[in-house]
């Protein structure tokens, strides 16, 4: 028990937000965790109080922190190579989404004093009913269940989401839930000009003005998802999933951006995105060159988007900046980082770009791209949308 407690005390801040599994073969320690008490006063004095409890088998009932492996009955720990493969079965962004979903389920279970891992099918079914009562859309409910299913799989537990009662409840949810219309608006050229003007008077340095303007133009003209060009955290990044300086080739009137992994390309086949100069005030090539001129020594292996303090730009950074710039805009609540991608498809369609070209530009593998095309005003010809 003491090694577990010390590891939490020493590395607690570094482990914050991560899923931590303690493999313990000491039944006494498991019992102490369950009851938050010990016959050893020293251990009792340092034992944190707000800890998730564990069942008699050591399975966490709320926080998922520990598991008791009973002697020879316990499975051997996976090798580092196998553990790496198991961790890579889903993308990091997907894992973050699933973890957030399961955390919500844990909170629900904690209020009801029920186990979240392994969870009873009846508990999951009631959780689905709670989501429905809270007017969550059907797609949100499926994400929550995916998070619950994934956590059980990672702990080698049978998933309660496959239970017939849960499946029937979810089907009823689909039939009864009111259709949710996507309220997000497409970003237009008018929005882009508004953002450019807002950046000029924003209380941030010229460096960060150039940084975020480059981000906005890349999102719009490249049909990029925000997760394709930003880092996962301000202090770390995955070079396979973050846009690096070395991924961009600047020649003539065009930038060629190489994406290594995308939402629809998890095997790393890669794809190239061409950003062409427009000759207008809203131009991704000019924005990139202005930004690059402000970066002292851009290294090929470093993220393209990096703040002046050296921290990497994340999705949250872009969302925060966007929301701040749109403070006085009447459509602020309907514009998000994904609105740039919606706007790219909408603007392309307004300029009579063929459907197959829009699908290719946005790297969509199905006809879901049609949901991104919204009614817009008169077309404004732009060089990037020339098909000849």
Protein backbone atom coordinates (compact mmCIF):
# COMPACT_ATOMS: atom_id res chain seq x y z
CA UNK A 1 0.00 0.00 0.00
CA UNK A 2 2.75 2.43 0.94
CA UNK A 3 4.36 2.38 -2.55
CA UNK A 4 0.97 3.15 -4.09
CA UNK A 5 0.34 6.03 -1.71
CA UNK A 6 3.83 7.44 -2.20
CA UNK A 7 3.52 7.30 -5.98
CA UNK A 8 0.29 9.30 -5.79
CA UNK A 9 1.84 11.83 -3.43
CA UNK A 10 5.08 12.24 -5.40
CA UNK A 11 3.72 12.14 -8.95
CA UNK A 12 0.11 13.19 -8.36
CA UNK A 13 0.36 16.43 -10.35
CA UNK A 14 1.98 14.70 -13.31
CA UNK A 15 -0.66 11.96 -13.25
CA UNK A 16 -3.56 14.41 -13.07
CA UNK A 17 -6.06 13.79 -15.87
CA UNK A 18 -4.54 10.43 -16.78
CA UNK A 19 -5.94 6.94 -16.31
CA UNK A 20 -3.78 5.18 -13.73
CA UNK A 21 -3.96 1.46 -12.99
CA UNK A 22 -2.27 0.07 -9.88
CA UNK A 23 -1.77 -3.69 -10.02
CA UNK A 24 -1.83 -4.99 -6.45
CA UNK A 25 -1.45 -8.60 -5.26
CA UNK A 26 -1.98 -7.75 -1.57
CA UNK A 27 -5.53 -8.51 -0.44
CA UNK A 28 -4.96 -6.57 2.79
CA UNK A 29 -4.06 -3.45 0.86
CA UNK A 30 -7.16 -3.89 -1.29
CA UNK A 31 -9.28 -4.17 1.84
CA UNK A 32 -7.70 -1.00 3.25
CA UNK A 33 -8.45 0.90 0.03
CA UNK A 34 -12.04 -0.32 0.17
CA UNK A 35 -12.62 0.84 3.73
CA UNK A 36 -10.14 3.72 3.78
CA UNK A 37 -8.71 2.45 7.07
CA UNK A 38 -5.69 0.48 8.24
CA UNK A 39 -4.33 -1.02 11.46
CA UNK A 40 -1.09 0.79 10.73
CA UNK A 41 -1.43 4.32 12.13
CA UNK A 42 1.33 5.64 9.87
CA UNK A 43 -0.48 4.40 6.79
CA UNK A 44 -3.78 5.72 8.13
CA UNK A 45 -2.33 9.18 8.70
CA UNK A 46 -1.15 9.57 5.11
CA UNK A 47 -4.09 7.88 3.44
CA UNK A 48 -5.99 10.47 1.34
CA UNK A 49 -9.65 10.71 2.24
CA UNK A 50 -11.36 11.62 -1.06
CA UNK A 51 -10.39 8.38 -2.82
CA UNK A 52 -12.61 6.15 -4.94
CA UNK A 53 -13.55 2.97 -3.11
CA UNK A 54 -12.87 -0.53 -4.37
CA UNK A 55 -14.82 -3.72 -4.32
CA UNK A 56 -13.71 -6.89 -2.57
CA UNK A 57 -11.87 -7.96 -5.70
CA UNK A 58 -10.04 -4.65 -5.91
CA UNK A 59 -12.04 -3.32 -8.85
CA UNK A 60 -12.60 0.37 -8.60
CA UNK A 61 -16.19 1.38 -8.05
CA UNK A 62 -15.87 5.06 -8.86
CA UNK A 63 -12.39 6.28 -9.80
CA UNK A 64 -10.92 3.17 -11.40
CA UNK A 65 -7.58 3.58 -9.61
CA UNK A 66 -6.66 0.05 -8.52
CA UNK A 67 -7.20 -3.62 -9.16
CA UNK A 68 -6.25 -6.58 -7.01
CA UNK A 69 -4.57 -9.44 -8.82
CA UNK A 70 -4.99 -12.42 -6.54
CA UNK A 71 -1.80 -14.50 -6.62
CA UNK A 72 -1.63 -17.03 -9.44
CA UNK A 73 -5.15 -16.14 -10.53
CA UNK A 74 -4.05 -12.73 -11.67
CA UNK A 75 -3.08 -12.23 -15.31
CA UNK A 76 0.57 -11.38 -16.00
CA UNK A 77 1.31 -7.77 -16.74
CA UNK A 78 1.49 -7.02 -20.47
CA UNK A 79 4.87 -6.40 -22.02
CA UNK A 80 5.75 -2.79 -22.92
CA UNK A 81 5.32 -3.69 -26.60
CA UNK A 82 1.85 -5.16 -26.07
CA UNK A 83 0.85 -2.25 -23.86
CA UNK A 84 1.88 0.17 -26.62
CA UNK A 85 -0.28 -1.71 -29.13
CA UNK A 86 -3.24 -1.78 -26.77
CA UNK A 87 -2.96 1.95 -26.15
CA UNK A 88 -2.84 2.65 -29.89
CA UNK A 89 -6.08 0.85 -30.74
CA UNK A 90 -7.83 4.24 -30.74
CA UNK A 91 -6.59 7.75 -31.48
CA UNK A 92 -5.49 9.98 -28.62
CA UNK A 93 -8.32 12.42 -29.33
CA UNK A 94 -10.85 9.58 -29.28
CA UNK A 95 -9.43 8.34 -26.00
CA UNK A 96 -9.80 11.81 -24.50
CA UNK A 97 -13.44 11.91 -25.60
CA UNK A 98 -14.13 8.44 -24.19
CA UNK A 99 -12.41 9.30 -20.93
CA UNK A 100 -14.51 12.44 -20.53
CA UNK A 101 -17.66 10.40 -21.24
CA UNK A 102 -16.74 7.73 -18.71
CA UNK A 103 -15.94 10.37 -16.10
CA UNK A 104 -19.51 11.64 -16.43
CA UNK A 105 -20.77 8.10 -15.96
CA UNK A 106 -18.54 7.71 -12.89
CA UNK A 107 -20.04 10.84 -11.37
CA UNK A 108 -23.53 9.47 -12.01
CA UNK A 109 -22.61 6.18 -10.35
CA UNK A 110 -21.00 7.92 -7.37
CA UNK A 111 -24.24 9.77 -6.61
CA UNK A 112 -26.14 6.47 -6.71
CA UNK A 113 -23.42 4.61 -4.79
CA UNK A 114 -23.11 2.06 -7.58
CA UNK A 115 -20.10 0.56 -9.28
CA UNK A 116 -18.98 2.07 -12.56
CA UNK A 117 -16.46 -0.67 -13.38
CA UNK A 118 -17.74 -3.24 -13.89
CA UNK A 119 -21.11 -1.58 -14.21
CA UNK A 120 -24.40 -3.39 -14.05
CA UNK A 121 -26.53 -3.28 -17.22
CA UNK A 122 -29.40 -1.86 -15.17
CA UNK A 123 -27.17 1.03 -14.05
CA UNK A 124 -26.20 1.80 -17.63
CA UNK A 125 -29.83 1.61 -18.78
CA UNK A 126 -30.85 4.09 -16.09
CA UNK A 127 -27.95 6.33 -17.13
CA UNK A 128 -29.32 6.31 -20.68
CA UNK A 129 -32.72 7.29 -19.28
CA UNK A 130 -31.07 10.15 -17.36
CA UNK A 131 -29.43 11.44 -20.54
CA UNK A 132 -32.81 11.35 -22.27
CA UNK A 133 -34.46 13.20 -19.36
CA UNK A 134 -31.71 15.84 -19.59
CA UNK A 135 -32.57 16.34 -23.30
CA UNK A 136 -29.16 15.21 -24.53
CA UNK A 137 -29.19 14.45 -28.23
CA UNK A 138 -29.05 10.83 -29.37
CA UNK A 139 -25.53 11.13 -30.78
CA UNK A 140 -24.28 12.41 -27.44
CA UNK A 141 -25.79 9.37 -25.74
CA UNK A 142 -23.97 7.03 -28.14
CA UNK A 143 -20.66 8.74 -27.29
CA UNK A 144 -21.27 8.18 -23.57
CA UNK A 145 -21.98 4.50 -24.19
CA UNK A 146 -18.89 4.20 -26.38
CA UNK A 147 -16.84 5.59 -23.51
CA UNK A 148 -18.34 3.07 -21.08
CA UNK A 149 -17.77 0.22 -23.56
CA UNK A 150 -14.16 1.20 -24.17
CA UNK A 151 -13.30 1.45 -20.47
CA UNK A 152 -14.71 -2.02 -19.83
CA UNK A 153 -12.75 -3.42 -22.78
CA UNK A 154 -9.53 -1.89 -21.48
CA UNK A 155 -10.10 -3.57 -18.13
CA UNK A 156 -11.03 -6.90 -19.76
CA UNK A 157 -14.58 -6.66 -18.44
CA UNK A 158 -17.72 -7.66 -20.30
CA UNK A 159 -19.36 -4.48 -21.52
CA UNK A 160 -22.83 -3.80 -20.08
CA UNK A 161 -23.63 -1.74 -23.17
CA UNK A 162 -24.23 -4.97 -25.09
CA UNK A 163 -27.07 -5.92 -22.77
CA UNK A 164 -30.48 -6.26 -24.42
CA UNK A 165 -32.15 -3.80 -22.04
CA UNK A 166 -29.52 -1.17 -22.76
CA UNK A 167 -29.79 -1.72 -26.51
CA UNK A 168 -33.58 -1.45 -26.45
CA UNK A 169 -33.38 1.71 -24.33
CA UNK A 170 -30.95 3.21 -26.84
CA UNK A 171 -33.21 2.30 -29.75
CA UNK A 172 -36.13 3.94 -27.97
CA UNK A 173 -33.93 6.98 -27.42
CA UNK A 174 -33.25 7.18 -31.15
CA UNK A 175 -36.96 6.99 -31.98
CA UNK A 176 -38.19 9.47 -29.38
CA UNK A 177 -35.42 12.05 -29.27
CA UNK A 178 -36.21 15.22 -31.16
CA UNK A 179 -33.95 15.73 -34.19
CA UNK A 180 -31.16 18.13 -33.35
CA UNK A 181 -30.34 20.62 -36.06
CA UNK A 182 -26.74 21.70 -36.28
CA UNK A 183 -26.85 25.35 -35.20
CA UNK A 184 -23.26 26.06 -36.22
CA UNK A 185 -22.99 28.64 -38.96
CA UNK A 186 -20.49 28.50 -41.81
CA UNK A 187 -17.65 30.98 -41.59
CA UNK A 188 -17.83 33.26 -44.64
CA UNK A 189 -15.37 35.68 -46.15
CA UNK A 190 -17.22 38.42 -44.29
CA UNK A 191 -16.52 36.58 -41.04
CA UNK A 192 -12.88 36.19 -42.02
CA UNK A 193 -12.51 39.92 -42.65
CA UNK A 194 -14.23 40.61 -39.32
CA UNK A 195 -11.77 38.35 -37.52
CA UNK A 196 -8.81 39.98 -39.23
CA UNK A 197 -9.98 43.45 -38.17
CA UNK A 198 -10.69 42.22 -34.64
CA UNK A 199 -7.19 40.75 -34.36
CA UNK A 200 -5.65 44.09 -35.30
CA UNK A 201 -7.19 45.81 -32.29
CA UNK A 202 -6.99 42.84 -29.90
CA UNK A 203 -4.84 43.25 -26.81
CA UNK A 204 -2.32 40.65 -27.87
CA UNK A 205 1.12 40.95 -29.43
CA UNK A 206 1.66 41.29 -33.16
CA UNK A 207 3.22 37.85 -33.06
CA UNK A 208 0.05 36.24 -31.71
CA UNK A 209 -2.11 38.28 -34.08
CA UNK A 210 -0.13 36.74 -36.94
CA UNK A 211 -0.25 33.30 -35.30
CA UNK A 212 -4.03 33.17 -34.96
CA UNK A 213 -4.67 34.76 -38.34
CA UNK A 214 -2.58 31.99 -39.92
CA UNK A 215 -4.61 29.44 -37.93
CA UNK A 216 -7.93 30.86 -39.14
CA UNK A 217 -6.87 31.02 -42.80
CA UNK A 218 -5.53 27.46 -42.70
CA UNK A 219 -8.77 26.18 -41.15
CA UNK A 220 -10.85 27.92 -43.81
CA UNK A 221 -8.87 27.37 -47.00
CA UNK A 222 -7.56 23.92 -46.06
CA UNK A 223 -10.88 22.45 -44.86
CA UNK A 224 -8.91 21.48 -41.76
CA UNK A 225 -10.30 19.98 -38.61
CA UNK A 226 -8.89 21.84 -35.63
CA UNK A 227 -7.31 18.66 -34.29
CA UNK A 228 -5.33 18.19 -37.51
CA UNK A 229 -3.19 21.29 -37.02
CA UNK A 230 -3.02 21.87 -33.24
CA UNK A 231 -1.16 20.07 -30.46
CA UNK A 232 -2.81 17.84 -27.89
CA UNK A 233 -1.43 19.92 -25.01
CA UNK A 234 0.57 23.09 -24.50
CA UNK A 235 3.63 21.13 -23.39
CA UNK A 236 3.53 18.03 -25.60
CA UNK A 237 2.54 16.97 -29.09
CA UNK A 238 2.28 13.89 -31.25
CA UNK A 239 4.39 14.52 -34.38
CA UNK A 240 2.11 12.18 -36.35
CA UNK A 241 -1.02 14.17 -35.54
CA UNK A 242 0.27 17.73 -35.26
CA UNK A 243 1.12 20.04 -38.14
CA UNK A 244 4.86 20.70 -38.10
CA UNK A 245 6.99 23.28 -39.89
CA UNK A 246 8.52 20.45 -41.90
CA UNK A 247 5.09 19.47 -43.22
CA UNK A 248 4.80 22.67 -45.28
CA UNK A 249 6.44 23.45 -48.61
CA UNK A 250 6.26 27.09 -49.73
CA UNK A 251 6.84 27.47 -53.47
CA UNK A 252 5.62 30.29 -55.68
CA UNK A 253 1.96 31.11 -55.10
CA UNK A 254 1.17 27.90 -53.26
CA UNK A 255 1.68 26.15 -49.97
CA UNK A 256 1.64 22.35 -49.94
CA UNK A 257 0.65 20.96 -46.56
CA UNK A 258 1.31 17.30 -45.82
CA UNK A 259 -1.05 15.63 -43.34
CA UNK A 260 0.30 12.42 -41.88
CA UNK A 261 -2.76 11.15 -39.99
CA UNK A 262 -6.35 12.35 -40.10
CA UNK A 263 -9.70 11.32 -38.71
CA UNK A 264 -10.42 9.31 -41.84
CA UNK A 265 -6.84 8.09 -42.29
CA UNK A 266 -5.68 6.29 -39.15
CA UNK A 267 -3.15 4.11 -40.99
CA UNK A 268 -0.90 6.97 -42.04
CA UNK A 269 -1.33 6.92 -45.81
CA UNK A 270 -1.15 10.71 -45.69
CA UNK A 271 -2.65 13.40 -47.89
CA UNK A 272 -1.53 16.69 -49.40
CA UNK A 273 -3.49 19.92 -49.12
CA UNK A 274 -2.77 22.79 -51.48
CA UNK A 275 -3.31 26.34 -50.27
CA UNK A 276 -3.17 28.82 -53.11
CA UNK A 277 -2.60 32.58 -52.86
CA UNK A 278 -5.80 34.56 -53.43
CA UNK A 279 -4.34 37.98 -54.08
CA UNK A 280 -6.87 39.35 -51.57
CA UNK A 281 -6.79 40.55 -47.97
CA UNK A 282 -7.84 37.07 -46.86
CA UNK A 283 -4.98 34.90 -48.08
CA UNK A 284 -3.49 31.79 -46.41
CA UNK A 285 -0.15 32.10 -48.21
CA UNK A 286 0.42 35.70 -47.17
CA UNK A 287 -0.74 34.93 -43.62
CA UNK A 288 1.74 32.05 -43.38
CA UNK A 289 4.65 34.09 -44.71
CA UNK A 290 3.94 36.99 -42.35
CA UNK A 291 3.82 34.58 -39.43
CA UNK A 292 6.96 32.72 -40.47
CA UNK A 293 8.87 36.00 -40.65
CA UNK A 294 8.12 36.51 -36.94
CA UNK A 295 9.38 33.09 -35.87
CA UNK A 296 13.10 33.34 -35.01
CA UNK A 297 14.21 29.83 -35.94
CA UNK A 298 11.39 27.55 -37.12
CA UNK A 299 12.52 23.93 -36.72
CA UNK A 300 11.09 21.30 -39.04
CA UNK A 301 10.36 18.90 -36.19
CA UNK A 302 8.44 21.48 -34.12
CA UNK A 303 4.72 22.36 -34.33
CA UNK A 304 3.80 25.11 -36.76
CA UNK A 305 1.49 26.79 -34.29
CA UNK A 306 3.42 27.91 -31.23
CA UNK A 307 2.67 30.75 -28.87
CA UNK A 308 5.11 33.53 -28.11
CA UNK A 309 5.83 32.00 -24.69
CA UNK A 310 6.95 28.78 -26.39
CA UNK A 311 3.84 26.76 -25.54
CA UNK A 312 2.10 24.83 -28.30
CA UNK A 313 -1.27 25.99 -29.57
CA UNK A 314 -4.15 23.69 -28.63
CA UNK A 315 -7.78 23.46 -29.63
CA UNK A 316 -8.71 25.28 -26.42
CA UNK A 317 -6.37 28.17 -27.29
CA UNK A 318 -7.97 28.67 -30.69
CA UNK A 319 -11.50 28.39 -29.28
CA UNK A 320 -10.70 30.92 -26.56
CA UNK A 321 -9.22 33.39 -29.05
CA UNK A 322 -12.11 32.94 -31.48
CA UNK A 323 -14.73 33.46 -28.77
CA UNK A 324 -12.94 36.58 -27.51
CA UNK A 325 -12.72 38.10 -31.00
CA UNK A 326 -16.44 37.46 -31.58
CA UNK A 327 -17.52 38.99 -28.27
CA UNK A 328 -19.55 41.73 -29.95
CA UNK A 329 -20.61 39.70 -32.98
CA UNK A 330 -24.34 38.84 -33.08
CA UNK A 331 -23.60 35.28 -34.25
CA UNK A 332 -20.94 34.55 -31.66
CA UNK A 333 -22.80 31.62 -30.07
CA UNK A 334 -23.20 29.87 -33.42
CA UNK A 335 -19.61 30.00 -34.62
CA UNK A 336 -17.02 27.43 -33.56
CA UNK A 337 -13.70 26.17 -34.88
CA UNK A 338 -15.63 23.65 -36.98
CA UNK A 339 -17.49 26.54 -38.63
CA UNK A 340 -14.38 27.16 -40.74
CA UNK A 341 -14.69 23.68 -42.26
CA UNK A 342 -18.41 24.18 -42.78
CA UNK A 343 -17.68 27.54 -44.37
CA UNK A 344 -15.05 26.06 -46.68
CA UNK A 345 -17.53 23.52 -48.06
CA UNK A 346 -20.31 26.11 -48.32
CA UNK A 347 -18.11 28.65 -50.11
CA UNK A 348 -16.81 26.01 -52.51
CA UNK A 349 -20.37 24.92 -53.37
CA UNK A 350 -21.40 28.55 -53.91
CA UNK A 351 -18.58 28.81 -56.44
CA UNK A 352 -19.93 25.78 -58.34
CA UNK A 353 -17.13 23.46 -57.32
CA UNK A 354 -18.21 19.87 -58.17
CA UNK A 355 -19.34 17.69 -55.29
CA UNK A 356 -16.54 15.17 -55.78
CA UNK A 357 -13.96 17.98 -55.58
CA UNK A 358 -15.45 19.26 -52.32
CA UNK A 359 -15.42 15.74 -50.90
CA UNK A 360 -11.78 15.34 -51.92
CA UNK A 361 -10.74 18.75 -50.57
CA UNK A 362 -12.31 18.03 -47.19
CA UNK A 363 -10.97 14.47 -47.07
CA UNK A 364 -14.45 13.04 -46.51
CA UNK A 365 -14.87 9.35 -47.28
CA UNK A 366 -18.66 9.37 -47.42
CA UNK A 367 -21.41 11.68 -48.55
CA UNK A 368 -21.56 13.28 -45.10
CA UNK A 369 -19.88 16.29 -46.71
CA UNK A 370 -23.34 17.29 -47.95
CA UNK A 371 -24.28 18.21 -44.36
CA UNK A 372 -21.51 20.82 -44.41
CA UNK A 373 -22.94 22.71 -47.35
CA UNK A 374 -25.29 25.43 -46.13
CA UNK A 375 -27.21 28.08 -47.99
CA UNK A 376 -25.02 31.10 -48.47
CA UNK A 377 -25.01 34.43 -50.25
CA UNK A 378 -23.72 35.13 -53.76
CA UNK A 379 -20.46 33.39 -54.67
CA UNK A 380 -17.16 35.21 -54.44
CA UNK A 381 -14.60 33.74 -56.89
CA UNK A 382 -11.41 32.60 -55.17
CA UNK A 383 -8.34 31.08 -56.75
CA UNK A 384 -8.24 28.04 -54.42
CA UNK A 385 -11.54 26.83 -55.83
CA UNK A 386 -10.55 26.84 -59.50
CA UNK A 387 -10.93 23.36 -60.88
CA UNK A 388 -9.29 23.87 -64.23
